[in-house]
Amino acid sequence: MAECKVCESEVDQLVTVKVAGKSKKMCEDCADRAREAAEIAEESESVVQGMMGFKGRR
């Protein structure tokens, strides 16, 4: 059994996910939460840039 480094629970299989440019191995539940958090951060950044009138590329 593999152990998730994020939630420290034993799972059958670990999934590799890129978080903040680094690949991390975690369980499927933690991977879903990490993907969701990344999507929210990206949308939030887009909204803030829109409010500030930023027209460049990132």
Protein backbone atom coordinates (compact mmCIF):
# COMPACT_ATOMS: atom_id res chain seq x y z
CA MET A 1 0.00 0.00 0.00
CA ALA A 2 1.22 3.45 -0.89
CA GLU A 3 0.88 6.40 1.47
CA CYS A 4 -0.26 9.85 0.37
CA LYS A 5 2.22 12.51 1.51
CA VAL A 6 -0.52 15.16 1.71
CA CYS A 7 -3.20 13.48 3.83
CA GLU A 8 -1.03 10.59 5.09
CA SER A 9 -3.65 7.93 4.33
CA GLU A 10 -2.91 4.58 2.73
CA VAL A 11 -4.20 4.23 -0.84
CA ASP A 12 -3.92 1.63 -3.59
CA GLN A 13 -2.48 4.01 -6.17
CA LEU A 14 -0.81 7.42 -6.18
CA VAL A 15 -1.39 9.99 -8.92
CA THR A 16 1.30 12.41 -10.13
CA VAL A 17 0.07 16.01 -10.33
CA LYS A 18 1.93 19.24 -11.10
CA VAL A 19 1.42 21.76 -8.31
CA ALA A 20 3.09 25.16 -8.64
CA GLY A 21 5.43 23.78 -11.30
CA LYS A 22 6.51 20.76 -9.25
CA SER A 23 5.35 17.18 -9.73
CA LYS A 24 3.93 15.63 -6.59
CA LYS A 25 2.50 12.20 -5.91
CA MET A 26 -0.75 12.12 -3.97
CA CYS A 27 -4.02 10.22 -3.71
CA GLU A 28 -6.87 10.91 -6.15
CA ASP A 29 -8.84 12.97 -3.60
CA CYS A 30 -5.90 15.24 -2.83
CA ALA A 31 -5.14 15.52 -6.56
CA ASP A 32 -8.69 16.69 -7.26
CA ARG A 33 -8.43 19.30 -4.49
CA ALA A 34 -5.06 20.51 -5.83
CA ARG A 35 -6.44 20.83 -9.38
CA GLU A 36 -9.47 22.71 -8.09
CA ALA A 37 -7.33 25.09 -6.05
CA ALA A 38 -5.11 25.77 -9.08
CA GLU A 39 -8.14 26.55 -11.25
CA ILE A 40 -9.55 28.93 -8.64
CA ALA A 41 -6.19 30.71 -8.29
CA GLU A 42 -5.91 31.12 -12.06
CA GLU A 43 -9.44 32.56 -12.35
CA SER A 44 -8.83 34.85 -9.39
CA GLU A 45 -5.63 36.18 -10.92
CA SER A 46 -7.44 36.81 -14.20
CA VAL A 47 -10.18 38.80 -12.45
CA VAL A 48 -7.67 40.91 -10.51
CA GLN A 49 -5.67 41.64 -13.67
CA GLY A 50 -8.89 42.65 -15.42
CA MET A 51 -9.78 45.08 -12.61
CA MET A 52 -6.31 46.61 -12.77
CA GLY A 53 -6.43 46.96 -16.53
CA PHE A 54 -3.45 44.67 -17.15
CA LYS A 55 -3.25 43.90 -20.85
CA GLY A 56 0.11 42.09 -21.05
CA ARG A 57 0.85 38.43 -21.12
CA ARG A 58 1.96 36.38 -18.21
